[in-house]
Amino acid sequence: MSYAHRNGVVHRDIKPANILVDYDGHVRVVDFGIAGYFKKLANANGQQTQSVIMGTPAYMSPEQADPEAEASYLSDIYSLGVLMHELFLGFRPDEKKSVTQHLAKALMDIIRQCLHTDLKQRPQSAEEVERRLLLLLQGKHLANPLWEKSASATSYPIITNYLMC
């Protein structure tokens, strides 16, 4: 996603079906069928309007669903937030279910920021989201990381435990 954004391409349809993970754990964004820039057309009043609204509604950013707004790379960041919400909580934010598992506050903060309706409040790049997630996986959000405790510990938690509270 960051490679596409660096090259001026907005995917416009970030969703689980368009994310592939290979056997080595490499993540690939696929299906750039609606990616690119849509030309705006003038309506009868001379106002600029977007010619087509495209994407998967459940993962669309608010600006993508608005015919008066234009999608940008920040729209993909919003869709990534929806995808992460579904991945870590088991449901999309629009489904309004009660949360049964507790995620680390730092992870929920990243997800909430991606889902912010104000474009200026969203992470300003996919690299920023990646950096914050990597710091989280390294345990930088923990006040007392487990690896700083006694070296005589006999078991080590799975890395996904760091994402849970």
C-alpha atoms as a PDB file:
ATOM      1  CA  MET A   1       0.000   0.000   0.000  1.00  0.00           C
ATOM      2  CA  SER A   2       2.786   2.419   0.867  1.00  0.00           C
ATOM      3  CA  TYR A   3       4.495   1.682  -2.465  1.00  0.00           C
ATOM      4  CA  ALA A   4       1.280   2.520  -4.319  1.00  0.00           C
ATOM      5  CA  HIS A   5       0.821   5.726  -2.324  1.00  0.00           C
ATOM      6  CA  ARG A   6       4.423   6.820  -2.954  1.00  0.00           C
ATOM      7  CA  ASN A   7       3.695   6.442  -6.655  1.00  0.00           C
ATOM      8  CA  GLY A   8       0.479   8.458  -6.553  1.00  0.00           C
ATOM      9  CA  VAL A   9      -1.918   5.501  -6.672  1.00  0.00           C
ATOM     10  CA  VAL A  10      -4.938   5.211  -4.372  1.00  0.00           C
ATOM     11  CA  HIS A  11      -6.239   1.633  -4.126  1.00  0.00           C
ATOM     12  CA  ARG A  12      -9.824   2.570  -3.113  1.00  0.00           C
ATOM     13  CA  ASP A  13     -10.845  -0.971  -2.135  1.00  0.00           C
ATOM     14  CA  ILE A  14      -8.736  -2.161   0.815  1.00  0.00           C
ATOM     15  CA  LYS A  15     -10.618  -5.139   2.275  1.00  0.00           C
ATOM     16  CA  PRO A  16      -9.794  -8.703   3.415  1.00  0.00           C
ATOM     17  CA  ALA A  17     -10.409 -10.190  -0.038  1.00  0.00           C
ATOM     18  CA  ASN A  18      -7.755  -7.872  -1.499  1.00  0.00           C
ATOM     19  CA  ILE A  19      -5.031  -8.767   1.014  1.00  0.00           C
ATOM     20  CA  LEU A  20      -2.997 -11.919   0.447  1.00  0.00           C
ATOM     21  CA  VAL A  21      -0.433 -13.413   2.802  1.00  0.00           C
ATOM     22  CA  ASP A  22       2.000 -15.970   1.364  1.00  0.00           C
ATOM     23  CA  TYR A  23       3.566 -18.930   3.173  1.00  0.00           C
ATOM     24  CA  ASP A  24       6.550 -16.783   4.161  1.00  0.00           C
ATOM     25  CA  GLY A  25       4.311 -14.185   5.820  1.00  0.00           C
ATOM     26  CA  HIS A  26       4.703 -11.555   3.088  1.00  0.00           C
ATOM     27  CA  VAL A  27       1.599  -9.419   2.696  1.00  0.00           C
ATOM     28  CA  ARG A  28       0.427  -8.378  -0.755  1.00  0.00           C
ATOM     29  CA  VAL A  29      -2.285  -5.898  -1.691  1.00  0.00           C
ATOM     30  CA  VAL A  30      -4.046  -7.109  -4.848  1.00  0.00           C
ATOM     31  CA  ASP A  31      -6.852  -6.070  -7.212  1.00  0.00           C
ATOM     32  CA  PHE A  32      -6.005  -2.550  -8.297  1.00  0.00           C
ATOM     33  CA  GLY A  33      -8.976  -2.641 -10.678  1.00  0.00           C
ATOM     34  CA  ILE A  34     -10.528   0.598  -9.383  1.00  0.00           C
ATOM     35  CA  ALA A  35      -7.281   2.260  -8.301  1.00  0.00           C
ATOM     36  CA  GLY A  36      -6.164   5.562  -9.755  1.00  0.00           C
ATOM     37  CA  TYR A  37      -7.534   9.047 -10.074  1.00  0.00           C
ATOM     38  CA  PHE A  38     -11.118   9.712 -11.025  1.00  0.00           C
ATOM     39  CA  LYS A  39     -11.698  12.806 -13.116  1.00  0.00           C
ATOM     40  CA  LYS A  40     -14.221  15.185 -11.728  1.00  0.00           C
ATOM     41  CA  LEU A  41     -17.045  16.315 -13.950  1.00  0.00           C
ATOM     42  CA  ALA A  42     -18.934  19.585 -13.731  1.00  0.00           C
ATOM     43  CA  ASN A  43     -22.656  19.250 -13.054  1.00  0.00           C
ATOM     44  CA  ALA A  44     -25.367  21.572 -14.434  1.00  0.00           C
ATOM     45  CA  ASN A  45     -24.502  24.242 -11.830  1.00  0.00           C
ATOM     46  CA  GLY A  46     -20.852  24.205 -12.790  1.00  0.00           C
ATOM     47  CA  GLN A  47     -19.865  22.550  -9.497  1.00  0.00           C
ATOM     48  CA  GLN A  48     -17.271  19.802  -9.522  1.00  0.00           C
ATOM     49  CA  THR A  49     -18.621  16.365  -8.647  1.00  0.00           C
ATOM     50  CA  GLN A  50     -17.030  12.950  -8.653  1.00  0.00           C
ATOM     51  CA  SER A  51     -18.133  10.906 -11.632  1.00  0.00           C
ATOM     52  CA  VAL A  52     -18.324   7.519  -9.895  1.00  0.00           C
ATOM     53  CA  ILE A  53     -18.354   6.186  -6.334  1.00  0.00           C
ATOM     54  CA  MET A  54     -16.543   2.850  -6.206  1.00  0.00           C
ATOM     55  CA  GLY A  55     -15.423   0.478  -3.492  1.00  0.00           C
ATOM     56  CA  THR A  56     -16.838  -1.964  -0.983  1.00  0.00           C
ATOM     57  CA  PRO A  57     -19.304   0.005   1.191  1.00  0.00           C
ATOM     58  CA  ALA A  58     -18.397  -1.734   4.473  1.00  0.00           C
ATOM     59  CA  TYR A  59     -14.730  -0.667   4.084  1.00  0.00           C
ATOM     60  CA  MET A  60     -15.204   2.730   2.411  1.00  0.00           C
ATOM     61  CA  SER A  61     -14.035   5.911   4.031  1.00  0.00           C
ATOM     62  CA  PRO A  62     -16.625   8.659   4.564  1.00  0.00           C
ATOM     63  CA  GLU A  63     -15.064  10.762   1.815  1.00  0.00           C
ATOM     64  CA  GLN A  64     -15.276   7.870  -0.672  1.00  0.00           C
ATOM     65  CA  ALA A  65     -19.013   7.576  -0.103  1.00  0.00           C
ATOM     66  CA  ASP A  66     -19.514  11.326  -0.566  1.00  0.00           C
ATOM     67  CA  PRO A  67     -20.013  12.274  -4.227  1.00  0.00           C
ATOM     68  CA  GLU A  68     -18.779  15.794  -3.444  1.00  0.00           C
ATOM     69  CA  ALA A  69     -15.467  14.600  -1.959  1.00  0.00           C
ATOM     70  CA  GLU A  70     -12.456  13.008  -3.563  1.00  0.00           C
ATOM     71  CA  ALA A  71     -10.713   9.844  -2.355  1.00  0.00           C
ATOM     72  CA  SER A  72      -7.028  10.058  -1.468  1.00  0.00           C
ATOM     73  CA  TYR A  73      -4.383   7.851   0.104  1.00  0.00           C
ATOM     74  CA  LEU A  74      -5.977   8.770   3.451  1.00  0.00           C
ATOM     75  CA  SER A  75      -9.081   6.901   2.264  1.00  0.00           C
ATOM     76  CA  ASP A  76      -6.943   3.756   2.059  1.00  0.00           C
ATOM     77  CA  ILE A  77      -5.696   4.440   5.619  1.00  0.00           C
ATOM     78  CA  TYR A  78      -9.331   4.544   6.807  1.00  0.00           C
ATOM     79  CA  SER A  79     -10.075   1.245   5.043  1.00  0.00           C
ATOM     80  CA  LEU A  80      -6.966  -0.242   6.659  1.00  0.00           C
ATOM     81  CA  GLY A  81      -8.405   0.824  10.035  1.00  0.00           C
ATOM     82  CA  VAL A  82     -11.658  -1.012   9.270  1.00  0.00           C
ATOM     83  CA  LEU A  83      -9.663  -4.077   8.227  1.00  0.00           C
ATOM     84  CA  MET A  84      -7.539  -3.996  11.422  1.00  0.00           C
ATOM     85  CA  HIS A  85     -10.673  -3.547  13.564  1.00  0.00           C
ATOM     86  CA  GLU A  86     -12.165  -6.642  11.968  1.00  0.00           C
ATOM     87  CA  LEU A  87      -8.908  -8.592  12.244  1.00  0.00           C
ATOM     88  CA  PHE A  88      -8.268  -7.881  15.920  1.00  0.00           C
ATOM     89  CA  LEU A  89     -11.834  -7.602  17.258  1.00  0.00           C
ATOM     90  CA  GLY A  90     -13.674  -9.978  14.935  1.00  0.00           C
ATOM     91  CA  PHE A  91     -16.169  -7.456  13.551  1.00  0.00           C
ATOM     92  CA  ARG A  92     -16.199  -4.179  11.617  1.00  0.00           C
ATOM     93  CA  PRO A  93     -16.757  -0.874  13.441  1.00  0.00           C
ATOM     94  CA  ASP A  94     -20.147  -0.418  11.755  1.00  0.00           C
ATOM     95  CA  GLU A  95     -21.424  -3.652  13.312  1.00  0.00           C
ATOM     96  CA  LYS A  96     -21.500  -2.121  16.828  1.00  0.00           C
ATOM     97  CA  LYS A  97     -20.969  -5.352  18.737  1.00  0.00           C
ATOM     98  CA  SER A  98     -19.678  -5.455  22.282  1.00  0.00           C
ATOM     99  CA  VAL A  99     -15.962  -6.087  22.607  1.00  0.00           C
ATOM    100  CA  THR A 100     -15.254  -9.381  24.356  1.00  0.00           C
ATOM    101  CA  GLN A 101     -11.475  -9.364  24.096  1.00  0.00           C
ATOM    102  CA  HIS A 102      -9.267  -6.610  25.368  1.00  0.00           C
ATOM    103  CA  LEU A 103      -6.623  -5.214  23.077  1.00  0.00           C
ATOM    104  CA  ALA A 104      -3.666  -3.174  24.128  1.00  0.00           C
ATOM    105  CA  LYS A 105      -4.647   0.485  24.376  1.00  0.00           C
ATOM    106  CA  ALA A 106      -1.848   1.396  21.967  1.00  0.00           C
ATOM    107  CA  LEU A 107      -3.287  -0.929  19.296  1.00  0.00           C
ATOM    108  CA  MET A 108      -6.809   0.428  19.765  1.00  0.00           C
ATOM    109  CA  ASP A 109      -5.384   3.962  19.504  1.00  0.00           C
ATOM    110  CA  ILE A 110      -3.839   3.145  16.110  1.00  0.00           C
ATOM    111  CA  ILE A 111      -7.101   1.637  14.873  1.00  0.00           C
ATOM    112  CA  ARG A 112      -9.199   4.569  16.150  1.00  0.00           C
ATOM    113  CA  GLN A 113      -6.840   7.078  14.571  1.00  0.00           C
ATOM    114  CA  CYS A 114      -7.075   5.281  11.200  1.00  0.00           C
ATOM    115  CA  LEU A 115     -10.876   5.421  11.497  1.00  0.00           C
ATOM    116  CA  HIS A 116     -11.009   9.126  12.312  1.00  0.00           C
ATOM    117  CA  THR A 117     -13.427  11.054  10.095  1.00  0.00           C
ATOM    118  CA  ASP A 118     -11.136  14.107  10.129  1.00  0.00           C
ATOM    119  CA  LEU A 119      -8.463  13.484   7.492  1.00  0.00           C
ATOM    120  CA  LYS A 120      -5.888  15.500   9.461  1.00  0.00           C
ATOM    121  CA  GLN A 121      -6.318  13.198  12.478  1.00  0.00           C
ATOM    122  CA  ARG A 122      -5.557  10.002  10.524  1.00  0.00           C
ATOM    123  CA  PRO A 123      -2.003   8.675  10.222  1.00  0.00           C
ATOM    124  CA  GLN A 124      -0.531  10.570   7.299  1.00  0.00           C
ATOM    125  CA  SER A 125       1.048   7.544   5.620  1.00  0.00           C
ATOM    126  CA  ALA A 126       0.978   3.765   5.513  1.00  0.00           C
ATOM    127  CA  GLU A 127       4.610   3.878   6.698  1.00  0.00           C
ATOM    128  CA  GLU A 128       3.479   5.668   9.867  1.00  0.00           C
ATOM    129  CA  VAL A 129       0.940   2.907  10.595  1.00  0.00           C
ATOM    130  CA  GLU A 130       3.582   0.259   9.897  1.00  0.00           C
ATOM    131  CA  ARG A 131       6.129   1.954  12.185  1.00  0.00           C
ATOM    132  CA  ARG A 132       3.634   2.232  15.040  1.00  0.00           C
ATOM    133  CA  LEU A 133       2.574  -1.414  14.668  1.00  0.00           C
ATOM    134  CA  LEU A 134       6.205  -2.575  14.642  1.00  0.00           C
ATOM    135  CA  LEU A 135       6.931  -0.592  17.818  1.00  0.00           C
ATOM    136  CA  LEU A 136       3.877  -2.183  19.376  1.00  0.00           C
ATOM    137  CA  LEU A 137       5.067  -5.676  18.410  1.00  0.00           C
ATOM    138  CA  GLN A 138       8.433  -4.893  19.980  1.00  0.00           C
ATOM    139  CA  GLY A 139       6.645  -4.156  23.235  1.00  0.00           C
ATOM    140  CA  LYS A 140       7.449  -0.435  23.261  1.00  0.00           C
ATOM    141  CA  HIS A 141       3.932   0.223  24.608  1.00  0.00           C
ATOM    142  CA  LEU A 142       4.515  -1.837  27.747  1.00  0.00           C
ATOM    143  CA  ALA A 143       5.491  -0.187  31.012  1.00  0.00           C
ATOM    144  CA  ASN A 144       7.265  -3.365  32.194  1.00  0.00           C
ATOM    145  CA  PRO A 145       8.198  -5.544  29.225  1.00  0.00           C
ATOM    146  CA  LEU A 146       8.416  -9.245  30.034  1.00  0.00           C
ATOM    147  CA  TRP A 147      11.906  -9.639  28.574  1.00  0.00           C
ATOM    148  CA  GLU A 148      13.281  -7.210  31.176  1.00  0.00           C
ATOM    149  CA  LYS A 149      12.250  -9.585  33.968  1.00  0.00           C
ATOM    150  CA  SER A 150      14.387 -12.388  35.284  1.00  0.00           C
ATOM    151  CA  ALA A 151      16.319 -14.294  32.642  1.00  0.00           C
ATOM    152  CA  SER A 152      15.429 -17.489  34.512  1.00  0.00           C
ATOM    153  CA  ALA A 153      11.879 -17.451  33.155  1.00  0.00           C
ATOM    154  CA  THR A 154      11.093 -20.840  31.696  1.00  0.00           C
ATOM    155  CA  SER A 155       8.384 -19.879  29.225  1.00  0.00           C
ATOM    156  CA  TYR A 156       8.072 -17.088  26.731  1.00  0.00           C
ATOM    157  CA  PRO A 157       4.690 -15.701  25.608  1.00  0.00           C
ATOM    158  CA  ILE A 158       3.686 -15.800  21.972  1.00  0.00           C
ATOM    159  CA  ILE A 159       4.094 -12.403  20.336  1.00  0.00           C
ATOM    160  CA  THR A 160       0.343 -12.017  19.875  1.00  0.00           C
ATOM    161  CA  ASN A 161       0.036 -11.884  23.658  1.00  0.00           C
ATOM    162  CA  TYR A 162       1.722  -8.470  23.505  1.00  0.00           C
ATOM    163  CA  LEU A 163      -1.269  -7.192  21.571  1.00  0.00           C
ATOM    164  CA  MET A 164      -3.645  -8.284  24.303  1.00  0.00           C
ATOM    165  CA  CYS A 165      -4.092  -6.534  27.648  1.00  0.00           C
END
